[in-house]
């Protein structure tokens, strides 16, 4: 099985927690231009949690690609994600801001 995948094959993948709940889908990826690493997956949880059209940047460390089920897994209950910091599709945060990054990483990873 290949470990190299195109972003097109991953965008649109569903996001599920380990309890099997559908949480949304991947809309985009944010790449650090200094080292080429994918830092965040931009997720749309809106349709599943009644929180409008907000998007959420989730650190890639918090996601696991499930190639068998063709989805991403996150170890978070649906109720916790309802409290996550989101943003409007027309007003993205500065993802290079150290304070923003620390808040997001603390929420999903720590």
Protein backbone atom coordinates (compact mmCIF):
# COMPACT_ATOMS: atom_id res chain seq x y z
CA UNK A 1 0.00 0.00 0.00
CA UNK A 2 1.30 3.44 -0.90
CA UNK A 3 2.17 5.89 1.85
CA UNK A 4 2.20 8.81 -0.60
CA UNK A 5 -1.25 10.28 -1.24
CA UNK A 6 -2.46 13.30 -3.15
CA UNK A 7 -4.27 16.04 -1.27
CA UNK A 8 -7.17 15.57 -3.70
CA UNK A 9 -7.60 12.00 -2.46
CA UNK A 10 -7.87 13.26 1.14
CA UNK A 11 -9.94 16.44 0.78
CA UNK A 12 -13.55 15.52 1.33
CA UNK A 13 -12.71 12.53 3.54
CA UNK A 14 -15.04 12.08 6.47
CA UNK A 15 -13.84 12.68 10.01
CA UNK A 16 -15.00 10.25 12.68
CA UNK A 17 -14.16 9.72 16.30
CA UNK A 18 -13.27 6.31 17.68
CA UNK A 19 -16.86 5.86 18.85
CA UNK A 20 -17.83 5.81 15.15
CA UNK A 21 -19.65 9.16 15.15
CA UNK A 22 -19.48 11.13 11.91
CA UNK A 23 -18.10 14.57 12.72
CA UNK A 24 -17.73 16.27 9.35
CA UNK A 25 -15.20 16.32 6.56
CA UNK A 26 -11.82 17.67 5.50
CA UNK A 27 -12.05 20.87 3.45
CA UNK A 28 -8.37 21.82 3.11
CA UNK A 29 -4.86 21.42 4.49
CA UNK A 30 -2.51 24.11 5.79
CA UNK A 31 1.16 23.56 4.95
CA UNK A 32 4.15 25.14 6.70
CA UNK A 33 6.09 26.70 3.84
CA UNK A 34 9.41 26.52 5.72
CA UNK A 35 9.54 22.73 5.96
CA UNK A 36 6.68 21.49 3.78
CA UNK A 37 4.83 19.72 6.61
CA UNK A 38 1.07 19.64 6.81
CA UNK A 39 0.32 21.47 10.06
CA UNK A 40 -3.49 21.55 10.10
CA UNK A 41 -6.44 19.93 8.44
CA UNK A 42 -9.30 22.38 7.98
CA UNK A 43 -12.50 20.60 8.93
CA UNK A 44 -16.14 21.42 8.45
CA UNK A 45 -18.10 20.12 11.43
CA UNK A 46 -21.03 22.46 10.76
CA UNK A 47 -23.56 20.06 9.31
CA UNK A 48 -23.29 17.67 12.22
CA UNK A 49 -23.19 19.89 15.28
CA UNK A 50 -25.58 22.72 14.48
CA UNK A 51 -22.85 25.31 14.64
CA UNK A 52 -23.35 26.94 11.26
CA UNK A 53 -20.76 27.15 8.55
CA UNK A 54 -17.74 27.39 10.80
CA UNK A 55 -14.48 25.72 9.94
CA UNK A 56 -11.95 24.28 12.37
CA UNK A 57 -8.18 23.91 12.09
CA UNK A 58 -7.14 20.64 13.67
CA UNK A 59 -3.44 19.80 14.14
CA UNK A 60 -2.46 16.83 12.01
CA UNK A 61 -1.02 15.22 15.17
CA UNK A 62 -4.58 14.94 16.47
CA UNK A 63 -5.78 13.04 13.39
CA UNK A 64 -5.07 9.54 12.21
CA UNK A 65 -5.70 8.45 8.65
CA UNK A 66 -7.74 5.26 8.51
CA UNK A 67 -6.95 3.94 5.03
CA UNK A 68 -9.25 0.93 5.41
CA UNK A 69 -12.32 3.09 6.12
CA UNK A 70 -11.00 6.00 4.01
CA UNK A 71 -11.54 8.56 6.75
CA UNK A 72 -9.66 10.47 9.39
CA UNK A 73 -10.07 9.52 13.05
CA UNK A 74 -9.87 11.92 15.96
CA UNK A 75 -9.82 10.95 19.62
CA UNK A 76 -12.37 13.53 20.73
CA UNK A 77 -16.01 13.18 21.71
CA UNK A 78 -18.50 15.07 19.59
CA UNK A 79 -19.56 17.20 22.57
CA UNK A 80 -16.01 18.48 23.13
CA UNK A 81 -15.64 19.49 19.50
CA UNK A 82 -18.76 21.63 19.84
CA UNK A 83 -16.67 23.86 22.14
CA UNK A 84 -13.69 24.09 19.77
CA UNK A 85 -12.54 27.45 18.43
CA UNK A 86 -13.79 27.80 14.88
CA UNK A 87 -13.69 30.46 12.21
CA UNK A 88 -15.80 31.77 9.38
CA UNK A 89 -15.04 30.52 5.87
CA UNK A 90 -14.55 34.15 4.79
CA UNK A 91 -12.43 35.21 7.79
CA UNK A 92 -9.58 32.79 8.48
CA UNK A 93 -7.29 33.27 11.48
CA UNK A 94 -3.57 33.95 11.18
CA UNK A 95 -2.40 30.37 11.58
CA UNK A 96 1.20 31.53 11.95
CA UNK A 97 0.36 33.48 15.11
CA UNK A 98 2.10 31.68 18.02
CA UNK A 99 -0.72 32.42 20.49
CA UNK A 100 -3.38 31.05 18.12
CA UNK A 101 -1.27 27.96 17.41
CA UNK A 102 -0.72 27.32 21.13
CA UNK A 103 -4.46 27.58 21.87
CA UNK A 104 -5.41 25.21 19.06
CA UNK A 105 -2.66 22.71 19.81
CA UNK A 106 -3.52 22.73 23.53
CA UNK A 107 -7.19 22.07 22.78
CA UNK A 108 -6.64 19.08 20.48
CA UNK A 109 -3.34 17.58 21.58
CA UNK A 110 -2.88 18.21 25.30
